[in-house]
Amino acid sequence: MTNMQHFHDVSQACSKNTTEKYSTSFSSAIKLLHKDLRQPIFNIYGFVRFADEIVDTFHEHDKGLLLNEFKTATYEAIQRGISLNPILHSFQLTVNKFNIDHKLIEAFLYSMELDLNERKYDRAGYEEYIYGSAEVVGLMCLYVFCEGNEIIYEQLKPAAKSLGAAFQKVNFLRDLKADYEGLERVYFPNCDFRNFTKQDKINIETDIQKDFDDAYLGIVNLPIKARFGVYVAYKYYLSLFKKIKQLQPQNIMLQRVRIPDYGKMYIVAKAGLRSQLNLL
């Protein structure tokens, strides 16, 4: 093993560890992908998680300055093919290996910038934010899943965007209390969470259900190396969504819905059975 390979391995271990520390559910789903695909997805998750942490967590620091430095360092890492920041080094390895479109990265970082200032969104701003914060992440992952097959990538782009959007919108619903009270953010347009009505909740859930339905059409056509892991992540978020739908509007800000470990195990087992029976 070369010394450079040691550096690659140490950097990528940092991205994997970041994923496991911040999201046991995503890390579990990633481990169900083919082994060739796991580390590149860890690398993408580590990158988006660090950017998200800057705008959501580092309140005692100049978040605008930190995000700008992170953005500059990201593009330098991609151009140079190296970074002493292990998260960015891992990310550039994936970006350069799979030729991920830099416009996706630009859109993602722009949405992170919006989180520094925007507090409420109209419909157009909401859709722009969803695209940059979630849909492009789905597309980055799709580059990895397709392993250079541009025809499959183009066919599955709409579904990948829908899956990213569904995940993000479920997170918004699940984290309403933290976003609204802690960060003073209201992502859903035309909603007053001091008077969140049943119809407001139904409208949001109808939109999310469409995203899930559109995403499933793509999942069943994913390359076999990616299909099972993505399907499990889909089922996990769909289960979260179903639990949220059962809540009354006035209760949605009182509790953060989660799936217990035994529930996650059941999802994986049931998904595995469907996969063996070719029912995906």
C-alpha atoms as a PDB file:
ATOM      1  CA  MET A   1       0.000   0.000   0.000  1.00  0.00           C
ATOM      2  CA  THR A   2       1.397   3.406  -0.980  1.00  0.00           C
ATOM      3  CA  ASN A   3       1.601   6.293   1.457  1.00  0.00           C
ATOM      4  CA  MET A   4      -0.970   8.140  -0.671  1.00  0.00           C
ATOM      5  CA  GLN A   5      -3.357   5.226  -0.315  1.00  0.00           C
ATOM      6  CA  HIS A   6      -2.994   5.525   3.449  1.00  0.00           C
ATOM      7  CA  PHE A   7      -4.085   9.146   3.186  1.00  0.00           C
ATOM      8  CA  HIS A   8      -7.054   8.218   1.005  1.00  0.00           C
ATOM      9  CA  ASP A   9      -8.086   5.510   3.466  1.00  0.00           C
ATOM     10  CA  VAL A  10      -7.764   7.727   6.554  1.00  0.00           C
ATOM     11  CA  SER A  11      -9.740  10.521   4.889  1.00  0.00           C
ATOM     12  CA  GLN A  12     -12.500   8.208   3.744  1.00  0.00           C
ATOM     13  CA  ALA A  13     -12.687   6.603   7.173  1.00  0.00           C
ATOM     14  CA  CYS A  14     -13.478  10.099   8.472  1.00  0.00           C
ATOM     15  CA  SER A  15     -16.411  10.411   6.052  1.00  0.00           C
ATOM     16  CA  LYS A  16     -17.682   6.968   7.015  1.00  0.00           C
ATOM     17  CA  ASN A  17     -17.384   7.780  10.713  1.00  0.00           C
ATOM     18  CA  THR A  18     -19.214  11.075  10.177  1.00  0.00           C
ATOM     19  CA  THR A  19     -22.115   9.255   8.521  1.00  0.00           C
ATOM     20  CA  GLU A  20     -22.318   6.670  11.291  1.00  0.00           C
ATOM     21  CA  LYS A  21     -22.219   9.296  14.056  1.00  0.00           C
ATOM     22  CA  TYR A  22     -24.841  11.582  12.517  1.00  0.00           C
ATOM     23  CA  SER A  23     -27.238   9.080  10.958  1.00  0.00           C
ATOM     24  CA  THR A  24     -27.409   5.447  11.973  1.00  0.00           C
ATOM     25  CA  SER A  25     -30.283   4.933   9.543  1.00  0.00           C
ATOM     26  CA  PHE A  26     -28.468   6.243   6.476  1.00  0.00           C
ATOM     27  CA  SER A  27     -25.264   4.465   7.387  1.00  0.00           C
ATOM     28  CA  SER A  28     -27.174   1.206   7.769  1.00  0.00           C
ATOM     29  CA  ALA A  29     -28.803   1.646   4.355  1.00  0.00           C
ATOM     30  CA  ILE A  30     -25.464   2.526   2.748  1.00  0.00           C
ATOM     31  CA  LYS A  31     -23.997  -0.719   4.074  1.00  0.00           C
ATOM     32  CA  LEU A  32     -26.676  -2.584   2.086  1.00  0.00           C
ATOM     33  CA  LEU A  33     -25.317  -1.196  -1.181  1.00  0.00           C
ATOM     34  CA  HIS A  34     -22.759  -3.188  -3.156  1.00  0.00           C
ATOM     35  CA  LYS A  35     -19.346  -2.743  -1.541  1.00  0.00           C
ATOM     36  CA  ASP A  36     -18.104  -0.782  -4.582  1.00  0.00           C
ATOM     37  CA  LEU A  37     -20.680   1.932  -3.941  1.00  0.00           C
ATOM     38  CA  ARG A  38     -20.564   2.312  -0.171  1.00  0.00           C
ATOM     39  CA  GLN A  39     -17.520   4.506   0.335  1.00  0.00           C
ATOM     40  CA  PRO A  40     -18.396   7.027  -2.413  1.00  0.00           C
ATOM     41  CA  ILE A  41     -21.827   7.533  -0.811  1.00  0.00           C
ATOM     42  CA  PHE A  42     -20.214   7.926   2.619  1.00  0.00           C
ATOM     43  CA  ASN A  43     -17.995  10.577   1.026  1.00  0.00           C
ATOM     44  CA  ILE A  44     -20.986  12.507  -0.318  1.00  0.00           C
ATOM     45  CA  TYR A  45     -22.848  12.285   2.997  1.00  0.00           C
ATOM     46  CA  GLY A  46     -19.829  13.531   4.951  1.00  0.00           C
ATOM     47  CA  PHE A  47     -19.582  16.582   2.710  1.00  0.00           C
ATOM     48  CA  VAL A  48     -23.247  17.571   2.912  1.00  0.00           C
ATOM     49  CA  ARG A  49     -23.340  16.898   6.660  1.00  0.00           C
ATOM     50  CA  PHE A  50     -20.399  19.212   7.372  1.00  0.00           C
ATOM     51  CA  ALA A  51     -21.933  21.998   5.290  1.00  0.00           C
ATOM     52  CA  ASP A  52     -25.235  21.531   7.094  1.00  0.00           C
ATOM     53  CA  GLU A  53     -23.517  21.639  10.469  1.00  0.00           C
ATOM     54  CA  ILE A  54     -21.986  25.024   9.641  1.00  0.00           C
ATOM     55  CA  VAL A  55     -25.367  26.677   9.121  1.00  0.00           C
ATOM     56  CA  ASP A  56     -27.325  24.759  11.766  1.00  0.00           C
ATOM     57  CA  THR A  57     -24.939  24.314  14.674  1.00  0.00           C
ATOM     58  CA  PHE A  58     -22.000  26.705  14.856  1.00  0.00           C
ATOM     59  CA  HIS A  59     -23.960  29.606  16.375  1.00  0.00           C
ATOM     60  CA  GLU A  60     -21.031  30.974  18.400  1.00  0.00           C
ATOM     61  CA  HIS A  61     -18.949  31.450  15.268  1.00  0.00           C
ATOM     62  CA  ASP A  62     -19.159  33.496  12.074  1.00  0.00           C
ATOM     63  CA  LYS A  63     -21.132  30.969  10.064  1.00  0.00           C
ATOM     64  CA  GLY A  64     -21.000  33.038   6.885  1.00  0.00           C
ATOM     65  CA  LEU A  65     -17.211  33.149   7.026  1.00  0.00           C
ATOM     66  CA  LEU A  66     -16.952  29.433   7.791  1.00  0.00           C
ATOM     67  CA  LEU A  67     -19.286  28.494   4.941  1.00  0.00           C
ATOM     68  CA  ASN A  68     -17.414  30.713   2.493  1.00  0.00           C
ATOM     69  CA  GLU A  69     -14.113  29.135   3.514  1.00  0.00           C
ATOM     70  CA  PHE A  70     -15.647  25.668   3.186  1.00  0.00           C
ATOM     71  CA  LYS A  71     -16.992  26.530  -0.269  1.00  0.00           C
ATOM     72  CA  THR A  72     -13.622  27.842  -1.470  1.00  0.00           C
ATOM     73  CA  ALA A  73     -11.805  24.828  -0.041  1.00  0.00           C
ATOM     74  CA  THR A  74     -14.293  22.478  -1.743  1.00  0.00           C
ATOM     75  CA  TYR A  75     -13.598  23.828  -5.225  1.00  0.00           C
ATOM     76  CA  GLU A  76      -9.856  23.921  -4.566  1.00  0.00           C
ATOM     77  CA  ALA A  77      -9.918  20.281  -3.452  1.00  0.00           C
ATOM     78  CA  ILE A  78     -11.774  19.217  -6.601  1.00  0.00           C
ATOM     79  CA  GLN A  79      -9.436  21.176  -8.866  1.00  0.00           C
ATOM     80  CA  ARG A  80      -6.222  20.049  -7.174  1.00  0.00           C
ATOM     81  CA  GLY A  81      -7.298  16.500  -6.474  1.00  0.00           C
ATOM     82  CA  ILE A  82      -6.245  16.775  -2.844  1.00  0.00           C
ATOM     83  CA  SER A  83      -7.176  18.485   0.413  1.00  0.00           C
ATOM     84  CA  LEU A  84      -5.812  18.350   3.929  1.00  0.00           C
ATOM     85  CA  ASN A  85      -9.417  18.440   5.108  1.00  0.00           C
ATOM     86  CA  PRO A  86     -10.239  14.704   5.120  1.00  0.00           C
ATOM     87  CA  ILE A  87     -13.949  15.288   4.433  1.00  0.00           C
ATOM     88  CA  LEU A  88     -13.176  17.430   1.392  1.00  0.00           C
ATOM     89  CA  HIS A  89     -10.444  15.077   0.233  1.00  0.00           C
ATOM     90  CA  SER A  90     -12.888  12.176   0.333  1.00  0.00           C
ATOM     91  CA  PHE A  91     -15.535  14.214  -1.466  1.00  0.00           C
ATOM     92  CA  GLN A  92     -13.203  15.263  -4.269  1.00  0.00           C
ATOM     93  CA  LEU A  93     -12.186  11.632  -4.792  1.00  0.00           C
ATOM     94  CA  THR A  94     -15.832  10.795  -5.481  1.00  0.00           C
ATOM     95  CA  VAL A  95     -16.556  13.924  -7.535  1.00  0.00           C
ATOM     96  CA  ASN A  96     -13.553  13.362  -9.781  1.00  0.00           C
ATOM     97  CA  LYS A  97     -13.937   9.597 -10.098  1.00  0.00           C
ATOM     98  CA  PHE A  98     -17.617   9.749 -11.108  1.00  0.00           C
ATOM     99  CA  ASN A  99     -17.447  13.096 -12.935  1.00  0.00           C
ATOM    100  CA  ILE A 100     -20.193  14.615 -10.804  1.00  0.00           C
ATOM    101  CA  ASP A 101     -21.534  17.815 -12.344  1.00  0.00           C
ATOM    102  CA  HIS A 102     -20.103  20.805 -10.450  1.00  0.00           C
ATOM    103  CA  LYS A 103     -23.393  22.659 -10.931  1.00  0.00           C
ATOM    104  CA  LEU A 104     -24.968  20.241  -8.449  1.00  0.00           C
ATOM    105  CA  ILE A 105     -22.366  21.185  -5.850  1.00  0.00           C
ATOM    106  CA  GLU A 106     -22.897  24.871  -6.584  1.00  0.00           C
ATOM    107  CA  ALA A 107     -26.678  24.525  -6.120  1.00  0.00           C
ATOM    108  CA  PHE A 108     -26.191  22.661  -2.843  1.00  0.00           C
ATOM    109  CA  LEU A 109     -23.857  25.258  -1.381  1.00  0.00           C
ATOM    110  CA  TYR A 110     -26.200  28.041  -2.473  1.00  0.00           C
ATOM    111  CA  SER A 111     -29.030  26.444  -0.479  1.00  0.00           C
ATOM    112  CA  MET A 112     -26.735  26.296   2.535  1.00  0.00           C
ATOM    113  CA  GLU A 113     -26.098  30.022   2.089  1.00  0.00           C
ATOM    114  CA  LEU A 114     -29.859  30.612   2.098  1.00  0.00           C
ATOM    115  CA  ASP A 115     -30.045  29.021   5.536  1.00  0.00           C
ATOM    116  CA  LEU A 116     -27.839  31.809   6.863  1.00  0.00           C
ATOM    117  CA  ASN A 117     -30.433  34.463   6.102  1.00  0.00           C
ATOM    118  CA  GLU A 118     -33.782  33.171   4.833  1.00  0.00           C
ATOM    119  CA  ARG A 119     -36.440  32.515   7.452  1.00  0.00           C
ATOM    120  CA  LYS A 120     -39.573  32.109   5.342  1.00  0.00           C
ATOM    121  CA  TYR A 121     -40.050  30.893   1.780  1.00  0.00           C
ATOM    122  CA  ASP A 122     -42.605  31.535  -0.916  1.00  0.00           C
ATOM    123  CA  ARG A 123     -43.424  28.698  -3.325  1.00  0.00           C
ATOM    124  CA  ALA A 124     -40.624  29.535  -5.784  1.00  0.00           C
ATOM    125  CA  GLY A 125     -38.049  29.940  -3.019  1.00  0.00           C
ATOM    126  CA  TYR A 126     -39.154  26.706  -1.379  1.00  0.00           C
ATOM    127  CA  GLU A 127     -38.781  24.737  -4.603  1.00  0.00           C
ATOM    128  CA  GLU A 128     -35.360  26.285  -5.228  1.00  0.00           C
ATOM    129  CA  TYR A 129     -34.265  25.381  -1.717  1.00  0.00           C
ATOM    130  CA  ILE A 130     -35.528  21.808  -2.024  1.00  0.00           C
ATOM    131  CA  TYR A 131     -33.668  21.413  -5.304  1.00  0.00           C
ATOM    132  CA  GLY A 132     -30.381  22.670  -3.898  1.00  0.00           C
ATOM    133  CA  SER A 133     -30.511  21.075  -0.477  1.00  0.00           C
ATOM    134  CA  ALA A 134     -31.936  17.674  -1.402  1.00  0.00           C
ATOM    135  CA  GLU A 135     -32.610  16.913  -5.052  1.00  0.00           C
ATOM    136  CA  VAL A 136     -29.022  17.575  -6.106  1.00  0.00           C
ATOM    137  CA  VAL A 137     -27.796  15.227  -3.354  1.00  0.00           C
ATOM    138  CA  GLY A 138     -29.968  12.525  -4.888  1.00  0.00           C
ATOM    139  CA  LEU A 139     -28.411  13.301  -8.253  1.00  0.00           C
ATOM    140  CA  MET A 140     -24.860  13.159  -6.860  1.00  0.00           C
ATOM    141  CA  CYS A 141     -25.623   9.714  -5.476  1.00  0.00           C
ATOM    142  CA  LEU A 142     -27.156   8.701  -8.799  1.00  0.00           C
ATOM    143  CA  TYR A 143     -23.840   9.458 -10.517  1.00  0.00           C
ATOM    144  CA  VAL A 144     -22.286   6.851  -8.223  1.00  0.00           C
ATOM    145  CA  PHE A 145     -25.086   4.321  -8.685  1.00  0.00           C
ATOM    146  CA  CYS A 146     -24.921   4.551 -12.486  1.00  0.00           C
ATOM    147  CA  GLU A 147     -21.106   4.226 -12.546  1.00  0.00           C
ATOM    148  CA  GLY A 148     -20.724   6.278 -15.719  1.00  0.00           C
ATOM    149  CA  ASN A 149     -23.776   4.999 -17.614  1.00  0.00           C
ATOM    150  CA  GLU A 150     -25.179   8.311 -18.863  1.00  0.00           C
ATOM    151  CA  ILE A 151     -28.269   6.741 -20.445  1.00  0.00           C
ATOM    152  CA  ILE A 152     -29.450   5.225 -17.159  1.00  0.00           C
ATOM    153  CA  TYR A 153     -28.565   8.434 -15.323  1.00  0.00           C
ATOM    154  CA  GLU A 154     -30.780  10.532 -17.591  1.00  0.00           C
ATOM    155  CA  GLN A 155     -33.630   8.039 -17.287  1.00  0.00           C
ATOM    156  CA  LEU A 156     -33.498   8.015 -13.489  1.00  0.00           C
ATOM    157  CA  LYS A 157     -32.873  11.728 -12.850  1.00  0.00           C
ATOM    158  CA  PRO A 158     -36.526  12.635 -12.149  1.00  0.00           C
ATOM    159  CA  ALA A 159     -36.915   9.773  -9.665  1.00  0.00           C
ATOM    160  CA  ALA A 160     -33.641  10.609  -7.887  1.00  0.00           C
ATOM    161  CA  LYS A 161     -34.786  14.209  -7.473  1.00  0.00           C
ATOM    162  CA  SER A 162     -38.142  13.045  -6.130  1.00  0.00           C
ATOM    163  CA  LEU A 163     -36.492  10.738  -3.598  1.00  0.00           C
ATOM    164  CA  GLY A 164     -34.206  13.489  -2.345  1.00  0.00           C
ATOM    165  CA  ALA A 165     -37.173  15.847  -2.083  1.00  0.00           C
ATOM    166  CA  ALA A 166     -39.269  13.287  -0.188  1.00  0.00           C
ATOM    167  CA  PHE A 167     -36.503  12.682   2.350  1.00  0.00           C
ATOM    168  CA  GLN A 168     -35.980  16.403   2.892  1.00  0.00           C
ATOM    169  CA  LYS A 169     -39.675  17.225   3.271  1.00  0.00           C
ATOM    170  CA  VAL A 170     -40.145  14.416   5.782  1.00  0.00           C
ATOM    171  CA  ASN A 171     -37.197  15.826   7.716  1.00  0.00           C
ATOM    172  CA  PHE A 172     -38.842  19.259   7.641  1.00  0.00           C
ATOM    173  CA  LEU A 173     -42.046  17.833   9.115  1.00  0.00           C
ATOM    174  CA  ARG A 174     -40.182  15.794  11.693  1.00  0.00           C
ATOM    175  CA  ASP A 175     -38.007  18.746  12.743  1.00  0.00           C
ATOM    176  CA  LEU A 176     -40.699  21.447  12.761  1.00  0.00           C
ATOM    177  CA  LYS A 177     -40.124  22.306  16.408  1.00  0.00           C
ATOM    178  CA  ALA A 178     -36.330  22.605  16.093  1.00  0.00           C
ATOM    179  CA  ASP A 179     -36.508  24.606  12.858  1.00  0.00           C
ATOM    180  CA  TYR A 180     -39.324  26.919  13.940  1.00  0.00           C
ATOM    181  CA  GLU A 181     -38.462  27.525  17.581  1.00  0.00           C
ATOM    182  CA  GLY A 182     -34.719  26.919  17.548  1.00  0.00           C
ATOM    183  CA  LEU A 183     -33.682  28.378  14.170  1.00  0.00           C
ATOM    184  CA  GLU A 184     -36.762  30.508  13.371  1.00  0.00           C
ATOM    185  CA  ARG A 185     -37.113  28.859   9.969  1.00  0.00           C
ATOM    186  CA  VAL A 186     -40.328  28.088   8.135  1.00  0.00           C
ATOM    187  CA  TYR A 187     -39.615  26.067   5.001  1.00  0.00           C
ATOM    188  CA  PHE A 188     -43.154  25.196   3.936  1.00  0.00           C
ATOM    189  CA  PRO A 189     -44.723  28.139   2.082  1.00  0.00           C
ATOM    190  CA  ASN A 190     -47.969  29.746   3.177  1.00  0.00           C
ATOM    191  CA  CYS A 191     -47.951  28.028   6.570  1.00  0.00           C
ATOM    192  CA  ASP A 192     -48.382  29.668   9.962  1.00  0.00           C
ATOM    193  CA  PHE A 193     -47.191  27.159  12.537  1.00  0.00           C
ATOM    194  CA  ARG A 194     -48.848  29.142  15.306  1.00  0.00           C
ATOM    195  CA  ASN A 195     -52.066  28.069  13.600  1.00  0.00           C
ATOM    196  CA  PHE A 196     -51.131  24.898  11.707  1.00  0.00           C
ATOM    197  CA  THR A 197     -54.384  23.483  10.369  1.00  0.00           C
ATOM    198  CA  LYS A 198     -55.405  20.000   9.340  1.00  0.00           C
ATOM    199  CA  GLN A 199     -55.699  21.187   5.735  1.00  0.00           C
ATOM    200  CA  ASP A 200     -52.164  22.628   5.858  1.00  0.00           C
ATOM    201  CA  LYS A 201     -50.877  19.237   6.970  1.00  0.00           C
ATOM    202  CA  ILE A 202     -52.906  17.375   4.321  1.00  0.00           C
ATOM    203  CA  ASN A 203     -51.588  19.657   1.563  1.00  0.00           C
ATOM    204  CA  ILE A 204     -47.985  19.033   2.609  1.00  0.00           C
ATOM    205  CA  GLU A 205     -48.532  15.280   2.943  1.00  0.00           C
ATOM    206  CA  THR A 206     -50.161  15.037  -0.488  1.00  0.00           C
ATOM    207  CA  ASP A 207     -47.110  16.683  -2.033  1.00  0.00           C
ATOM    208  CA  ILE A 208     -44.745  14.359  -0.186  1.00  0.00           C
ATOM    209  CA  GLN A 209     -46.730  11.261  -1.161  1.00  0.00           C
ATOM    210  CA  LYS A 210     -46.356  12.201  -4.820  1.00  0.00           C
ATOM    211  CA  ASP A 211     -42.589  12.468  -4.349  1.00  0.00           C
ATOM    212  CA  PHE A 212     -42.505   9.000  -2.783  1.00  0.00           C
ATOM    213  CA  ASP A 213     -44.631   7.543  -5.597  1.00  0.00           C
ATOM    214  CA  ASP A 214     -42.454   9.090  -8.306  1.00  0.00           C
ATOM    215  CA  ALA A 215     -39.276   7.967  -6.531  1.00  0.00           C
ATOM    216  CA  TYR A 216     -40.397   4.330  -6.356  1.00  0.00           C
ATOM    217  CA  LEU A 217     -40.724   4.176 -10.134  1.00  0.00           C
ATOM    218  CA  GLY A 218     -37.018   4.912 -10.344  1.00  0.00           C
ATOM    219  CA  ILE A 219     -35.869   2.701  -7.489  1.00  0.00           C
ATOM    220  CA  VAL A 220     -37.157  -0.464  -9.164  1.00  0.00           C
ATOM    221  CA  ASN A 221     -35.065   0.429 -12.223  1.00  0.00           C
ATOM    222  CA  LEU A 222     -31.849   1.236 -10.411  1.00  0.00           C
ATOM    223  CA  PRO A 223     -28.756  -0.842 -11.196  1.00  0.00           C
ATOM    224  CA  ILE A 224     -28.825  -3.982  -9.081  1.00  0.00           C
ATOM    225  CA  LYS A 225     -25.777  -2.898  -7.046  1.00  0.00           C
ATOM    226  CA  ALA A 226     -27.697   0.090  -5.694  1.00  0.00           C
ATOM    227  CA  ARG A 227     -31.313  -1.052  -5.662  1.00  0.00           C
ATOM    228  CA  PHE A 228     -31.629  -2.819  -2.309  1.00  0.00           C
ATOM    229  CA  GLY A 229     -29.836  -0.201  -0.206  1.00  0.00           C
ATOM    230  CA  VAL A 230     -31.827   2.651  -1.756  1.00  0.00           C
ATOM    231  CA  TYR A 231     -35.069   0.715  -1.344  1.00  0.00           C
ATOM    232  CA  VAL A 232     -34.402   0.215   2.377  1.00  0.00           C
ATOM    233  CA  ALA A 233     -33.724   3.945   2.838  1.00  0.00           C
ATOM    234  CA  TYR A 234     -36.950   4.655   0.934  1.00  0.00           C
ATOM    235  CA  LYS A 235     -38.946   2.280   3.158  1.00  0.00           C
ATOM    236  CA  TYR A 236     -37.421   3.749   6.293  1.00  0.00           C
ATOM    237  CA  TYR A 237     -38.473   7.276   5.355  1.00  0.00           C
ATOM    238  CA  LEU A 238     -41.851   6.077   4.159  1.00  0.00           C
ATOM    239  CA  SER A 239     -42.393   4.537   7.607  1.00  0.00           C
ATOM    240  CA  LEU A 240     -41.464   7.838   9.247  1.00  0.00           C
ATOM    241  CA  PHE A 241     -43.893   9.606   6.943  1.00  0.00           C
ATOM    242  CA  LYS A 242     -46.734   7.233   7.838  1.00  0.00           C
ATOM    243  CA  LYS A 243     -46.153   7.863  11.539  1.00  0.00           C
ATOM    244  CA  ILE A 244     -46.189  11.621  10.974  1.00  0.00           C
ATOM    245  CA  LYS A 245     -49.457  11.335   9.042  1.00  0.00           C
ATOM    246  CA  GLN A 246     -51.062   9.778  12.117  1.00  0.00           C
ATOM    247  CA  LEU A 247     -50.278  12.839  14.263  1.00  0.00           C
ATOM    248  CA  GLN A 248     -52.798  15.603  14.783  1.00  0.00           C
ATOM    249  CA  PRO A 249     -51.618  19.011  13.462  1.00  0.00           C
ATOM    250  CA  GLN A 250     -51.385  20.469  16.971  1.00  0.00           C
ATOM    251  CA  ASN A 251     -49.144  17.604  18.085  1.00  0.00           C
ATOM    252  CA  ILE A 252     -46.623  17.635  15.276  1.00  0.00           C
ATOM    253  CA  MET A 253     -44.426  20.170  17.080  1.00  0.00           C
ATOM    254  CA  LEU A 254     -44.626  18.342  20.394  1.00  0.00           C
ATOM    255  CA  GLN A 255     -42.686  15.213  19.451  1.00  0.00           C
ATOM    256  CA  ARG A 256     -39.978  14.112  17.039  1.00  0.00           C
ATOM    257  CA  VAL A 257     -41.060  10.935  15.296  1.00  0.00           C
ATOM    258  CA  ARG A 258     -38.517   8.133  15.047  1.00  0.00           C
ATOM    259  CA  ILE A 259     -38.412   4.479  14.081  1.00  0.00           C
ATOM    260  CA  PRO A 260     -37.147   2.203  16.898  1.00  0.00           C
ATOM    261  CA  ASP A 261     -34.342  -0.221  16.185  1.00  0.00           C
ATOM    262  CA  TYR A 262     -36.674  -3.229  16.040  1.00  0.00           C
ATOM    263  CA  GLY A 263     -38.757  -1.344  13.477  1.00  0.00           C
ATOM    264  CA  LYS A 264     -35.673  -0.747  11.342  1.00  0.00           C
ATOM    265  CA  MET A 265     -34.768  -4.430  11.558  1.00  0.00           C
ATOM    266  CA  TYR A 266     -38.279  -5.354  10.416  1.00  0.00           C
ATOM    267  CA  ILE A 267     -37.998  -2.969   7.454  1.00  0.00           C
ATOM    268  CA  VAL A 268     -34.708  -4.553   6.362  1.00  0.00           C
ATOM    269  CA  ALA A 269     -36.026  -8.095   6.793  1.00  0.00           C
ATOM    270  CA  LYS A 270     -39.216  -7.385   4.848  1.00  0.00           C
ATOM    271  CA  ALA A 271     -37.280  -5.574   2.124  1.00  0.00           C
ATOM    272  CA  GLY A 272     -34.891  -8.512   1.893  1.00  0.00           C
ATOM    273  CA  LEU A 273     -37.781 -10.932   1.422  1.00  0.00           C
ATOM    274  CA  ARG A 274     -39.313  -8.777  -1.316  1.00  0.00           C
ATOM    275  CA  SER A 275     -35.932  -8.604  -3.005  1.00  0.00           C
ATOM    276  CA  GLN A 276     -35.506 -12.397  -2.933  1.00  0.00           C
ATOM    277  CA  LEU A 277     -38.964 -12.809  -4.436  1.00  0.00           C
ATOM    278  CA  ASN A 278     -38.150 -10.207  -7.118  1.00  0.00           C
ATOM    279  CA  LEU A 279     -41.010  -8.020  -5.911  1.00  0.00           C
ATOM    280  CA  LEU A 280     -39.065  -4.739  -5.886  1.00  0.00           C
END
